PDB file of N, CA and C in Angstrom:
ATOM      1  N   GLN A   1     -12.858  11.808   6.323  1.00  0.00           N
ATOM      2  CA  GLN A   1     -13.051  10.473   5.760  1.00  0.00           C
ATOM      3  C   GLN A   1     -13.144  10.552   4.239  1.00  0.00           C
ATOM      4  N   VAL A   2     -12.463   9.649   3.586  1.00  0.00           N
ATOM      5  CA  VAL A   2     -12.502   9.575   2.137  1.00  0.00           C
ATOM      6  C   VAL A   2     -12.738   8.143   1.702  1.00  0.00           C
ATOM      7  N   GLN A   3     -13.142   8.001   0.455  1.00  0.00           N
ATOM      8  CA  GLN A   3     -13.283   6.689  -0.136  1.00  0.00           C
ATOM      9  C   GLN A   3     -11.919   6.213  -0.626  1.00  0.00           C
ATOM     10  N   LEU A   4     -11.584   4.992  -0.287  1.00  0.00           N
ATOM     11  CA  LEU A   4     -10.319   4.389  -0.674  1.00  0.00           C
ATOM     12  C   LEU A   4     -10.594   3.111  -1.441  1.00  0.00           C
ATOM     13  N   VAL A   5     -10.018   3.004  -2.614  1.00  0.00           N
ATOM     14  CA  VAL A   5     -10.244   1.843  -3.465  1.00  0.00           C
ATOM     15  C   VAL A   5      -8.907   1.275  -3.897  1.00  0.00           C
ATOM     16  N   GLU A   6      -8.590   0.105  -3.381  1.00  0.00           N
ATOM     17  CA  GLU A   6      -7.357  -0.584  -3.725  1.00  0.00           C
ATOM     18  C   GLU A   6      -7.594  -1.540  -4.886  1.00  0.00           C
ATOM     19  N   SER A   7      -6.583  -1.705  -5.706  1.00  0.00           N
ATOM     20  CA  SER A   7      -6.685  -2.632  -6.822  1.00  0.00           C
ATOM     21  C   SER A   7      -5.300  -3.116  -7.216  1.00  0.00           C
ATOM     22  N   GLY A   8      -5.261  -4.131  -8.046  1.00  0.00           N
ATOM     23  CA  GLY A   8      -4.014  -4.618  -8.602  1.00  0.00           C
ATOM     24  C   GLY A   8      -3.496  -5.907  -8.014  1.00  0.00           C
ATOM     25  N   GLY A   9      -4.152  -6.418  -6.988  1.00  0.00           N
ATOM     26  CA  GLY A   9      -3.712  -7.663  -6.393  1.00  0.00           C
ATOM     27  C   GLY A   9      -3.982  -8.849  -7.290  1.00  0.00           C
ATOM     28  N   GLY A  10      -3.445  -9.974  -6.879  1.00  0.00           N
ATOM     29  CA  GLY A  10      -3.627 -11.191  -7.636  1.00  0.00           C
ATOM     30  C   GLY A  10      -2.639 -12.243  -7.212  1.00  0.00           C
ATOM     31  N   LEU A  11      -2.551 -13.279  -8.008  1.00  0.00           N
ATOM     32  CA  LEU A  11      -1.632 -14.389  -7.758  1.00  0.00           C
ATOM     33  C   LEU A  11      -0.346 -14.162  -8.524  1.00  0.00           C
ATOM     34  N   VAL A  12       0.770 -14.297  -7.834  1.00  0.00           N
ATOM     35  CA  VAL A  12       2.067 -14.114  -8.459  1.00  0.00           C
ATOM     36  C   VAL A  12       3.031 -15.154  -7.903  1.00  0.00           C
ATOM     37  N   GLN A  13       3.980 -15.578  -8.720  1.00  0.00           N
ATOM     38  CA  GLN A  13       4.975 -16.553  -8.283  1.00  0.00           C
ATOM     39  C   GLN A  13       6.039 -15.902  -7.414  1.00  0.00           C
ATOM     40  N   PRO A  14       6.651 -16.675  -6.519  1.00  0.00           N
ATOM     41  CA  PRO A  14       7.794 -16.138  -5.781  1.00  0.00           C
ATOM     42  C   PRO A  14       8.847 -15.584  -6.730  1.00  0.00           C
ATOM     43  N   GLY A  15       9.388 -14.434  -6.357  1.00  0.00           N
ATOM     44  CA  GLY A  15      10.341 -13.744  -7.206  1.00  0.00           C
ATOM     45  C   GLY A  15       9.715 -12.805  -8.208  1.00  0.00           C
ATOM     46  N   GLY A  16       8.414 -12.865  -8.330  1.00  0.00           N
ATOM     47  CA  GLY A  16       7.715 -12.031  -9.282  1.00  0.00           C
ATOM     48  C   GLY A  16       7.431 -10.638  -8.760  1.00  0.00           C
ATOM     49  N   SER A  17       6.727  -9.880  -9.575  1.00  0.00           N
ATOM     50  CA  SER A  17       6.426  -8.485  -9.268  1.00  0.00           C
ATOM     51  C   SER A  17       4.951  -8.204  -9.464  1.00  0.00           C
ATOM     52  N   LEU A  18       4.492  -7.192  -8.765  1.00  0.00           N
ATOM     53  CA  LEU A  18       3.111  -6.764  -8.855  1.00  0.00           C
ATOM     54  C   LEU A  18       3.063  -5.291  -8.493  1.00  0.00           C
ATOM     55  N   LYS A  19       2.137  -4.563  -9.097  1.00  0.00           N
ATOM     56  CA  LYS A  19       1.968  -3.155  -8.774  1.00  0.00           C
ATOM     57  C   LYS A  19       0.532  -2.905  -8.329  1.00  0.00           C
ATOM     58  N   LEU A  20       0.390  -2.393  -7.122  1.00  0.00           N
ATOM     59  CA  LEU A  20      -0.907  -2.077  -6.563  1.00  0.00           C
ATOM     60  C   LEU A  20      -1.222  -0.598  -6.734  1.00  0.00           C
ATOM     61  N   SER A  21      -2.505  -0.299  -6.822  1.00  0.00           N
ATOM     62  CA  SER A  21      -2.968   1.076  -6.906  1.00  0.00           C
ATOM     63  C   SER A  21      -3.988   1.343  -5.817  1.00  0.00           C
ATOM     64  N   CYS A  22      -4.040   2.573  -5.373  1.00  0.00           N
ATOM     65  CA  CYS A  22      -5.035   3.016  -4.405  1.00  0.00           C
ATOM     66  C   CYS A  22      -5.540   4.375  -4.841  1.00  0.00           C
ATOM     67  N   ALA A  23      -6.808   4.432  -5.190  1.00  0.00           N
ATOM     68  CA  ALA A  23      -7.436   5.681  -5.584  1.00  0.00           C
ATOM     69  C   ALA A  23      -8.179   6.264  -4.394  1.00  0.00           C
ATOM     70  N   ALA A  24      -7.969   7.531  -4.132  1.00  0.00           N
ATOM     71  CA  ALA A  24      -8.588   8.216  -3.001  1.00  0.00           C
ATOM     72  C   ALA A  24      -9.446   9.366  -3.494  1.00  0.00           C
ATOM     73  N   SER A  25     -10.551   9.590  -2.794  1.00  0.00           N
ATOM     74  CA  SER A  25     -11.470  10.657  -3.180  1.00  0.00           C
ATOM     75  C   SER A  25     -11.177  11.981  -2.501  1.00  0.00           C
ATOM     76  N   ALA A  26     -10.118  12.052  -1.742  1.00  0.00           N
ATOM     77  CA  ALA A  26      -9.862  13.192  -0.873  1.00  0.00           C
ATOM     78  C   ALA A  26      -9.710  14.501  -1.634  1.00  0.00           C
ATOM     79  N   THR A  27     -10.379  15.511  -1.124  1.00  0.00           N
ATOM     80  CA  THR A  27     -10.066  16.867  -1.518  1.00  0.00           C
ATOM     81  C   THR A  27      -8.691  17.210  -0.949  1.00  0.00           C
ATOM     82  N   PHE A  28      -7.930  17.967  -1.686  1.00  0.00           N
ATOM     83  CA  PHE A  28      -6.575  18.332  -1.273  1.00  0.00           C
ATOM     84  C   PHE A  28      -5.713  17.097  -1.028  1.00  0.00           C
ATOM     85  N   PHE A  29      -5.861  16.124  -1.900  1.00  0.00           N
ATOM     86  CA  PHE A  29      -5.120  14.873  -1.795  1.00  0.00           C
ATOM     87  C   PHE A  29      -3.627  15.120  -1.637  1.00  0.00           C
ATOM     88  N   SER A  30      -3.122  16.087  -2.363  1.00  0.00           N
ATOM     89  CA  SER A  30      -1.688  16.322  -2.371  1.00  0.00           C
ATOM     90  C   SER A  30      -1.128  16.774  -1.030  1.00  0.00           C
ATOM     91  N   THR A  31      -1.979  17.207  -0.115  1.00  0.00           N
ATOM     92  CA  THR A  31      -1.512  17.674   1.187  1.00  0.00           C
ATOM     93  C   THR A  31      -1.390  16.556   2.208  1.00  0.00           C
ATOM     94  N   TYR A  32      -1.837  15.362   1.865  1.00  0.00           N
ATOM     95  CA  TYR A  32      -1.858  14.262   2.826  1.00  0.00           C
ATOM     96  C   TYR A  32      -0.735  13.272   2.612  1.00  0.00           C
ATOM     97  N   ALA A  33      -0.190  12.805   3.713  1.00  0.00           N
ATOM     98  CA  ALA A  33       0.625  11.602   3.657  1.00  0.00           C
ATOM     99  C   ALA A  33      -0.279  10.396   3.419  1.00  0.00           C
ATOM    100  N   MET A  34       0.265   9.399   2.771  1.00  0.00           N
ATOM    101  CA  MET A  34      -0.470   8.170   2.485  1.00  0.00           C
ATOM    102  C   MET A  34       0.390   6.976   2.858  1.00  0.00           C
ATOM    103  N   ALA A  35      -0.252   5.851   3.036  1.00  0.00           N
ATOM    104  CA  ALA A  35       0.494   4.661   3.415  1.00  0.00           C
ATOM    105  C   ALA A  35      -0.175   3.405   2.889  1.00  0.00           C
ATOM    106  N   TRP A  36       0.630   2.386   2.717  1.00  0.00           N
ATOM    107  CA  TRP A  36       0.162   1.035   2.452  1.00  0.00           C
ATOM    108  C   TRP A  36       0.325   0.190   3.705  1.00  0.00           C
ATOM    109  N   TYR A  37      -0.695  -0.584   3.998  1.00  0.00           N
ATOM    110  CA  TYR A  37      -0.691  -1.561   5.071  1.00  0.00           C
ATOM    111  C   TYR A  37      -0.951  -2.931   4.479  1.00  0.00           C
ATOM    112  N   ARG A  38      -0.655  -3.949   5.253  1.00  0.00           N
ATOM    113  CA  ARG A  38      -1.064  -5.284   4.853  1.00  0.00           C
ATOM    114  C   ARG A  38      -1.439  -6.096   6.082  1.00  0.00           C
ATOM    115  N   GLN A  39      -2.289  -7.062   5.846  1.00  0.00           N
ATOM    116  CA  GLN A  39      -2.675  -7.989   6.897  1.00  0.00           C
ATOM    117  C   GLN A  39      -2.553  -9.401   6.343  1.00  0.00           C
ATOM    118  N   ALA A  40      -1.574 -10.114   6.852  1.00  0.00           N
ATOM    119  CA  ALA A  40      -1.331 -11.482   6.442  1.00  0.00           C
ATOM    120  C   ALA A  40      -2.214 -12.417   7.255  1.00  0.00           C
ATOM    121  N   PRO A  41      -2.437 -13.616   6.754  1.00  0.00           N
ATOM    122  CA  PRO A  41      -3.257 -14.573   7.511  1.00  0.00           C
ATOM    123  C   PRO A  41      -2.727 -14.790   8.917  1.00  0.00           C
ATOM    124  N   GLY A  42      -3.603 -14.640   9.901  1.00  0.00           N
ATOM    125  CA  GLY A  42      -3.233 -14.871  11.281  1.00  0.00           C
ATOM    126  C   GLY A  42      -2.394 -13.787  11.917  1.00  0.00           C
ATOM    127  N   LYS A  43      -2.213 -12.667  11.245  1.00  0.00           N
ATOM    128  CA  LYS A  43      -1.375 -11.601  11.774  1.00  0.00           C
ATOM    129  C   LYS A  43      -2.134 -10.280  11.856  1.00  0.00           C
ATOM    130  N   GLN A  44      -1.579  -9.365  12.631  1.00  0.00           N
ATOM    131  CA  GLN A  44      -2.133  -8.016  12.732  1.00  0.00           C
ATOM    132  C   GLN A  44      -1.828  -7.223  11.469  1.00  0.00           C
ATOM    133  N   ARG A  45      -2.661  -6.242  11.209  1.00  0.00           N
ATOM    134  CA  ARG A  45      -2.367  -5.318  10.129  1.00  0.00           C
ATOM    135  C   ARG A  45      -1.085  -4.558  10.459  1.00  0.00           C
ATOM    136  N   GLU A  46      -0.226  -4.417   9.477  1.00  0.00           N
ATOM    137  CA  GLU A  46       1.032  -3.729   9.690  1.00  0.00           C
ATOM    138  C   GLU A  46       1.266  -2.682   8.618  1.00  0.00           C
ATOM    139  N   LEU A  47       1.944  -1.631   9.010  1.00  0.00           N
ATOM    140  CA  LEU A  47       2.343  -0.590   8.078  1.00  0.00           C
ATOM    141  C   LEU A  47       3.553  -1.083   7.287  1.00  0.00           C
ATOM    142  N   VAL A  48       3.479  -1.009   5.977  1.00  0.00           N
ATOM    143  CA  VAL A  48       4.586  -1.484   5.160  1.00  0.00           C
ATOM    144  C   VAL A  48       5.294  -0.377   4.398  1.00  0.00           C
ATOM    145  N   ALA A  49       4.592   0.693   4.060  1.00  0.00           N
ATOM    146  CA  ALA A  49       5.212   1.778   3.312  1.00  0.00           C
ATOM    147  C   ALA A  49       4.448   3.061   3.535  1.00  0.00           C
ATOM    148  N   HIS A  50       5.164   4.159   3.564  1.00  0.00           N
ATOM    149  CA  HIS A  50       4.595   5.463   3.856  1.00  0.00           C
ATOM    150  C   HIS A  50       5.191   6.479   2.907  1.00  0.00           C
ATOM    151  N   ILE A  51       4.349   7.402   2.436  1.00  0.00           N
ATOM    152  CA  ILE A  51       4.841   8.482   1.591  1.00  0.00           C
ATOM    153  C   ILE A  51       4.234   9.792   2.067  1.00  0.00           C
ATOM    154  N   SER A  52       5.071  10.777   2.272  1.00  0.00           N
ATOM    155  CA  SER A  52       4.619  12.061   2.775  1.00  0.00           C
ATOM    156  C   SER A  52       4.041  12.910   1.652  1.00  0.00           C
ATOM    157  N   SER A  53       3.522  14.070   2.030  1.00  0.00           N
ATOM    158  CA  SER A  53       2.978  14.993   1.041  1.00  0.00           C
ATOM    159  C   SER A  53       4.039  15.522   0.082  1.00  0.00           C
ATOM    160  N   VAL A  54       5.289  15.436   0.486  1.00  0.00           N
ATOM    161  CA  VAL A  54       6.378  15.852  -0.392  1.00  0.00           C
ATOM    162  C   VAL A  54       7.169  14.654  -0.898  1.00  0.00           C
ATOM    163  N   SER A  55       6.554  13.483  -0.825  1.00  0.00           N
ATOM    164  CA  SER A  55       7.073  12.244  -1.402  1.00  0.00           C
ATOM    165  C   SER A  55       8.301  11.681  -0.703  1.00  0.00           C
ATOM    166  N   THR A  56       8.487  12.043   0.552  1.00  0.00           N
ATOM    167  CA  THR A  56       9.454  11.329   1.369  1.00  0.00           C
ATOM    168  C   THR A  56       8.886   9.956   1.704  1.00  0.00           C
ATOM    169  N   THR A  57       9.682   8.923   1.590  1.00  0.00           N
ATOM    170  CA  THR A  57       9.196   7.557   1.766  1.00  0.00           C
ATOM    171  C   THR A  57       9.876   6.852   2.920  1.00  0.00           C
ATOM    172  N   ASN A  58       9.143   5.927   3.507  1.00  0.00           N
ATOM    173  CA  ASN A  58       9.642   5.061   4.561  1.00  0.00           C
ATOM    174  C   ASN A  58       9.056   3.672   4.366  1.00  0.00           C
ATOM    175  N   TYR A  59       9.814   2.659   4.772  1.00  0.00           N
ATOM    176  CA  TYR A  59       9.409   1.282   4.556  1.00  0.00           C
ATOM    177  C   TYR A  59       9.661   0.440   5.785  1.00  0.00           C
ATOM    178  N   ALA A  60       8.813  -0.548   5.964  1.00  0.00           N
ATOM    179  CA  ALA A  60       9.103  -1.564   6.955  1.00  0.00           C
ATOM    180  C   ALA A  60      10.356  -2.316   6.541  1.00  0.00           C
ATOM    181  N   ASP A  61      11.108  -2.759   7.532  1.00  0.00           N
ATOM    182  CA  ASP A  61      12.340  -3.478   7.230  1.00  0.00           C
ATOM    183  C   ASP A  61      12.100  -4.706   6.358  1.00  0.00           C
ATOM    184  N   SER A  62      10.957  -5.331   6.527  1.00  0.00           N
ATOM    185  CA  SER A  62      10.667  -6.552   5.799  1.00  0.00           C
ATOM    186  C   SER A  62      10.516  -6.345   4.293  1.00  0.00           C
ATOM    187  N   VAL A  63      10.237  -5.119   3.872  1.00  0.00           N
ATOM    188  CA  VAL A  63      10.032  -4.856   2.450  1.00  0.00           C
ATOM    189  C   VAL A  63      11.045  -3.885   1.876  1.00  0.00           C
ATOM    190  N   LYS A  64      11.880  -3.334   2.701  1.00  0.00           N
ATOM    191  CA  LYS A  64      12.850  -2.346   2.258  1.00  0.00           C
ATOM    192  C   LYS A  64      13.754  -2.931   1.177  1.00  0.00           C
ATOM    193  N   GLY A  65      13.912  -2.178   0.112  1.00  0.00           N
ATOM    194  CA  GLY A  65      14.718  -2.630  -1.005  1.00  0.00           C
ATOM    195  C   GLY A  65      13.956  -3.425  -2.037  1.00  0.00           C
ATOM    196  N   ARG A  66      12.746  -3.842  -1.710  1.00  0.00           N
ATOM    197  CA  ARG A  66      11.928  -4.620  -2.640  1.00  0.00           C
ATOM    198  C   ARG A  66      10.674  -3.876  -3.092  1.00  0.00           C
ATOM    199  N   PHE A  67      10.110  -3.067  -2.204  1.00  0.00           N
ATOM    200  CA  PHE A  67       8.876  -2.346  -2.490  1.00  0.00           C
ATOM    201  C   PHE A  67       9.172  -0.868  -2.675  1.00  0.00           C
ATOM    202  N   THR A  68       8.386  -0.230  -3.532  1.00  0.00           N
ATOM    203  CA  THR A  68       8.489   1.203  -3.744  1.00  0.00           C
ATOM    204  C   THR A  68       7.103   1.821  -3.724  1.00  0.00           C
ATOM    205  N   ILE A  69       6.903   2.789  -2.843  1.00  0.00           N
ATOM    206  CA  ILE A  69       5.652   3.528  -2.796  1.00  0.00           C
ATOM    207  C   ILE A  69       5.827   4.825  -3.577  1.00  0.00           C
ATOM    208  N   SER A  70       4.791   5.213  -4.304  1.00  0.00           N
ATOM    209  CA  SER A  70       4.832   6.454  -5.064  1.00  0.00           C
ATOM    210  C   SER A  70       3.440   7.061  -5.096  1.00  0.00           C
ATOM    211  N   ARG A  71       3.359   8.294  -5.563  1.00  0.00           N
ATOM    212  CA  ARG A  71       2.060   8.946  -5.640  1.00  0.00           C
ATOM    213  C   ARG A  71       1.942   9.757  -6.908  1.00  0.00           C
ATOM    214  N   ASP A  72       0.718   9.869  -7.393  1.00  0.00           N
ATOM    215  CA  ASP A  72       0.383  10.696  -8.537  1.00  0.00           C
ATOM    216  C   ASP A  72      -0.750  11.601  -8.077  1.00  0.00           C
ATOM    217  N   ASN A  73      -0.414  12.816  -7.728  1.00  0.00           N
ATOM    218  CA  ASN A  73      -1.405  13.712  -7.144  1.00  0.00           C
ATOM    219  C   ASN A  73      -2.495  14.107  -8.141  1.00  0.00           C
ATOM    220  N   ALA A  74      -2.153  14.201  -9.410  1.00  0.00           N
ATOM    221  CA  ALA A  74      -3.151  14.534 -10.414  1.00  0.00           C
ATOM    222  C   ALA A  74      -4.227  13.463 -10.502  1.00  0.00           C
ATOM    223  N   LYS A  75      -3.840  12.209 -10.290  1.00  0.00           N
ATOM    224  CA  LYS A  75      -4.781  11.095 -10.322  1.00  0.00           C
ATOM    225  C   LYS A  75      -5.325  10.740  -8.947  1.00  0.00           C
ATOM    226  N   LYS A  76      -4.865  11.433  -7.913  1.00  0.00           N
ATOM    227  CA  LYS A  76      -5.256  11.124  -6.531  1.00  0.00           C
ATOM    228  C   LYS A  76      -5.059   9.643  -6.241  1.00  0.00           C
ATOM    229  N   THR A  77      -3.907   9.165  -6.583  1.00  0.00           N
ATOM    230  CA  THR A  77      -3.607   7.746  -6.509  1.00  0.00           C
ATOM    231  C   THR A  77      -2.216   7.524  -5.938  1.00  0.00           C
ATOM    232  N   ILE A  78      -2.093   6.487  -5.127  1.00  0.00           N
ATOM    233  CA  ILE A  78      -0.780   6.018  -4.718  1.00  0.00           C
ATOM    234  C   ILE A  78      -0.578   4.613  -5.258  1.00  0.00           C
ATOM    235  N   TYR A  79       0.687   4.227  -5.353  1.00  0.00           N
ATOM    236  CA  TYR A  79       1.047   2.944  -5.921  1.00  0.00           C
ATOM    237  C   TYR A  79       2.011   2.225  -4.998  1.00  0.00           C
ATOM    238  N   LEU A  80       2.025   0.930  -5.118  1.00  0.00           N
ATOM    239  CA  LEU A  80       3.022   0.126  -4.435  1.00  0.00           C
ATOM    240  C   LEU A  80       3.591  -0.864  -5.434  1.00  0.00           C
ATOM    241  N   GLN A  81       4.803  -0.597  -5.876  1.00  0.00           N
ATOM    242  CA  GLN A  81       5.509  -1.522  -6.745  1.00  0.00           C
ATOM    243  C   GLN A  81       6.205  -2.553  -5.874  1.00  0.00           C
ATOM    244  N   MET A  82       5.877  -3.812  -6.078  1.00  0.00           N
ATOM    245  CA  MET A  82       6.399  -4.896  -5.267  1.00  0.00           C
ATOM    246  C   MET A  82       7.226  -5.816  -6.145  1.00  0.00           C
ATOM    247  N   ASN A  83       8.485  -5.959  -5.796  1.00  0.00           N
ATOM    248  CA  ASN A  83       9.403  -6.821  -6.527  1.00  0.00           C
ATOM    249  C   ASN A  83       9.940  -7.911  -5.613  1.00  0.00           C
ATOM    250  N   SER A  84      10.501  -8.925  -6.220  1.00  0.00           N
ATOM    251  CA  SER A  84      11.107 -10.035  -5.475  1.00  0.00           C
ATOM    252  C   SER A  84      10.165 -10.572  -4.411  1.00  0.00           C
ATOM    253  N   LEU A  85       8.950 -10.807  -4.804  1.00  0.00           N
ATOM    254  CA  LEU A  85       7.929 -11.222  -3.859  1.00  0.00           C
ATOM    255  C   LEU A  85       8.198 -12.620  -3.308  1.00  0.00           C
ATOM    256  N   THR A  86       7.853 -12.790  -2.052  1.00  0.00           N
ATOM    257  CA  THR A  86       7.987 -14.069  -1.368  1.00  0.00           C
ATOM    258  C   THR A  86       6.630 -14.467  -0.804  1.00  0.00           C
ATOM    259  N   PRO A  87       6.472 -15.740  -0.445  1.00  0.00           N
ATOM    260  CA  PRO A  87       5.200 -16.149   0.161  1.00  0.00           C
ATOM    261  C   PRO A  87       4.839 -15.361   1.416  1.00  0.00           C
ATOM    262  N   GLU A  88       5.830 -14.841   2.130  1.00  0.00           N
ATOM    263  CA  GLU A  88       5.547 -14.044   3.325  1.00  0.00           C
ATOM    264  C   GLU A  88       4.920 -12.699   3.007  1.00  0.00           C
ATOM    265  N   ASP A  89       4.932 -12.311   1.751  1.00  0.00           N
ATOM    266  CA  ASP A  89       4.252 -11.087   1.334  1.00  0.00           C
ATOM    267  C   ASP A  89       2.766 -11.312   1.085  1.00  0.00           C
ATOM    268  N   THR A  90       2.327 -12.541   1.143  1.00  0.00           N
ATOM    269  CA  THR A  90       0.913 -12.836   0.953  1.00  0.00           C
ATOM    270  C   THR A  90       0.089 -12.141   2.028  1.00  0.00           C
ATOM    271  N   ALA A  91      -0.867 -11.338   1.601  1.00  0.00           N
ATOM    272  CA  ALA A  91      -1.668 -10.555   2.537  1.00  0.00           C
ATOM    273  C   ALA A  91      -2.727  -9.795   1.761  1.00  0.00           C
ATOM    274  N   VAL A  92      -3.680  -9.256   2.499  1.00  0.00           N
ATOM    275  CA  VAL A  92      -4.564  -8.249   1.948  1.00  0.00           C
ATOM    276  C   VAL A  92      -3.898  -6.900   2.164  1.00  0.00           C
ATOM    277  N   TYR A  93      -3.761  -6.149   1.105  1.00  0.00           N
ATOM    278  CA  TYR A  93      -3.093  -4.859   1.158  1.00  0.00           C
ATOM    279  C   TYR A  93      -4.119  -3.732   1.154  1.00  0.00           C
ATOM    280  N   TYR A  94      -3.915  -2.774   2.048  1.00  0.00           N
ATOM    281  CA  TYR A  94      -4.801  -1.639   2.220  1.00  0.00           C
ATOM    282  C   TYR A  94      -4.019  -0.344   2.123  1.00  0.00           C
ATOM    283  N   CYS A  95      -4.702   0.712   1.724  1.00  0.00           N
ATOM    284  CA  CYS A  95      -4.108   2.033   1.789  1.00  0.00           C
ATOM    285  C   CYS A  95      -4.903   2.905   2.745  1.00  0.00           C
ATOM    286  N   ASN A  96      -4.296   4.015   3.152  1.00  0.00           N
ATOM    287  CA  ASN A  96      -4.999   4.965   4.015  1.00  0.00           C
ATOM    288  C   ASN A  96      -4.252   6.285   4.023  1.00  0.00           C
ATOM    289  N   ARG A  97      -4.983   7.347   4.288  1.00  0.00           N
ATOM    290  CA  ARG A  97      -4.336   8.609   4.596  1.00  0.00           C
ATOM    291  C   ARG A  97      -3.705   8.513   5.969  1.00  0.00           C
ATOM    292  N   GLN A  98      -2.667   9.301   6.190  1.00  0.00           N
ATOM    293  CA  GLN A  98      -1.894   9.214   7.417  1.00  0.00           C
ATOM    294  C   GLN A  98      -1.760  10.566   8.089  1.00  0.00           C
ATOM    295  N   ARG A  99      -1.823  10.537   9.397  1.00  0.00           N
ATOM    296  CA  ARG A  99      -1.364  11.644  10.217  1.00  0.00           C
ATOM    297  C   ARG A  99      -0.270  11.066  11.104  1.00  0.00           C
ATOM    298  N   GLY A 100       0.943  11.419  10.802  1.00  0.00           N
ATOM    299  CA  GLY A 100       2.046  10.740  11.447  1.00  0.00           C
ATOM    300  C   GLY A 100       2.027   9.276  11.050  1.00  0.00           C
ATOM    301  N   LEU A 101       1.989   8.394  12.036  1.00  0.00           N
ATOM    302  CA  LEU A 101       1.929   6.958  11.785  1.00  0.00           C
ATOM    303  C   LEU A 101       0.532   6.379  11.963  1.00  0.00           C
ATOM    304  N   GLN A 102      -0.469   7.240  12.062  1.00  0.00           N
ATOM    305  CA  GLN A 102      -1.821   6.784  12.319  1.00  0.00           C
ATOM    306  C   GLN A 102      -2.695   6.931  11.081  1.00  0.00           C
ATOM    307  N   PRO A 103      -3.522   5.935  10.789  1.00  0.00           N
ATOM    308  CA  PRO A 103      -4.461   6.058   9.671  1.00  0.00           C
ATOM    309  C   PRO A 103      -5.599   7.010  10.012  1.00  0.00           C
ATOM    310  N   LEU A 104      -6.106   7.695   8.993  1.00  0.00           N
ATOM    311  CA  LEU A 104      -7.146   8.695   9.194  1.00  0.00           C
ATOM    312  C   LEU A 104      -8.540   8.233   8.800  1.00  0.00           C
ATOM    313  N   ASP A 105      -8.651   7.334   7.875  1.00  0.00           N
ATOM    314  CA  ASP A 105      -9.925   7.005   7.272  1.00  0.00           C
ATOM    315  C   ASP A 105     -10.350   5.573   7.563  1.00  0.00           C
ATOM    316  N   ALA A 106     -11.624   5.328   7.282  1.00  0.00           N
ATOM    317  CA  ALA A 106     -12.105   3.961   7.351  1.00  0.00           C
ATOM    318  C   ALA A 106     -11.374   3.109   6.321  1.00  0.00           C
ATOM    319  N   TRP A 107     -11.178   1.854   6.663  1.00  0.00           N
ATOM    320  CA  TRP A 107     -10.490   0.946   5.750  1.00  0.00           C
ATOM    321  C   TRP A 107     -11.363   0.581   4.566  1.00  0.00           C
ATOM    322  N   GLY A 108     -10.739   0.509   3.410  1.00  0.00           N
ATOM    323  CA  GLY A 108     -11.426   0.005   2.239  1.00  0.00           C
ATOM    324  C   GLY A 108     -11.448  -1.505   2.231  1.00  0.00           C
ATOM    325  N   GLN A 109     -11.773  -2.072   1.082  1.00  0.00           N
ATOM    326  CA  GLN A 109     -11.850  -3.524   0.972  1.00  0.00           C
ATOM    327  C   GLN A 109     -10.485  -4.188   0.885  1.00  0.00           C
ATOM    328  N   GLY A 110      -9.485  -3.429   0.489  1.00  0.00           N
ATOM    329  CA  GLY A 110      -8.171  -3.996   0.295  1.00  0.00           C
ATOM    330  C   GLY A 110      -8.091  -4.786  -1.005  1.00  0.00           C
ATOM    331  N   THR A 111      -6.882  -5.214  -1.326  1.00  0.00           N
ATOM    332  CA  THR A 111      -6.675  -6.059  -2.489  1.00  0.00           C
ATOM    333  C   THR A 111      -5.756  -7.206  -2.084  1.00  0.00           C
ATOM    334  N   LEU A 112      -6.137  -8.400  -2.451  1.00  0.00           N
ATOM    335  CA  LEU A 112      -5.428  -9.592  -2.009  1.00  0.00           C
ATOM    336  C   LEU A 112      -4.253  -9.898  -2.921  1.00  0.00           C
ATOM    337  N   VAL A 113      -3.100 -10.056  -2.300  1.00  0.00           N
ATOM    338  CA  VAL A 113      -1.893 -10.491  -2.995  1.00  0.00           C
ATOM    339  C   VAL A 113      -1.539 -11.881  -2.486  1.00  0.00           C
ATOM    340  N   THR A 114      -1.452 -12.822  -3.391  1.00  0.00           N
ATOM    341  CA  THR A 114      -1.070 -14.184  -3.044  1.00  0.00           C
ATOM    342  C   THR A 114       0.198 -14.538  -3.796  1.00  0.00           C
ATOM    343  N   VAL A 115       1.237 -14.866  -3.049  1.00  0.00           N
ATOM    344  CA  VAL A 115       2.527 -15.235  -3.640  1.00  0.00           C
ATOM    345  C   VAL A 115       2.711 -16.725  -3.430  1.00  0.00           C
ATOM    346  N   SER A 116       2.632 -17.459  -4.500  1.00  0.00           N
ATOM    347  CA  SER A 116       2.665 -18.912  -4.410  1.00  0.00           C
ATOM    348  C   SER A 116       3.026 -19.515  -5.750  1.00  0.00           C
ATOM    349  N   SER A 117       3.664 -20.678  -5.698  1.00  0.00           N
ATOM    350  CA  SER A 117       3.924 -21.450  -6.899  1.00  0.00           C
ATOM    351  C   SER A 117       2.739 -22.322  -7.275  1.00  0.00           C
TER     352      SER A 117
END
């Protein structure tokens, strides 16, 4: 279990961009896969982006081509660059360490992204 702190959310117009950060306290951070999840109003939490320990990335179809996940091992931080945002991207965004497709740690507070005019 590690401490996870998401930040960078806010209000953005449709078509706009936002970059989220997730700081993790994990020892040996660089050995872990990490992922971004989101939970939209009235919906289940879903996996949106995944990055392996060697920076291989995968994305949900709904965000592919618009979102980019990256990591900075020196800062023990992952990022989610979100472009061409739509109202359907409105959600609380969470990060977590991953084993395969499963989260490893307790959920943090998340960061709220609201896409609206």
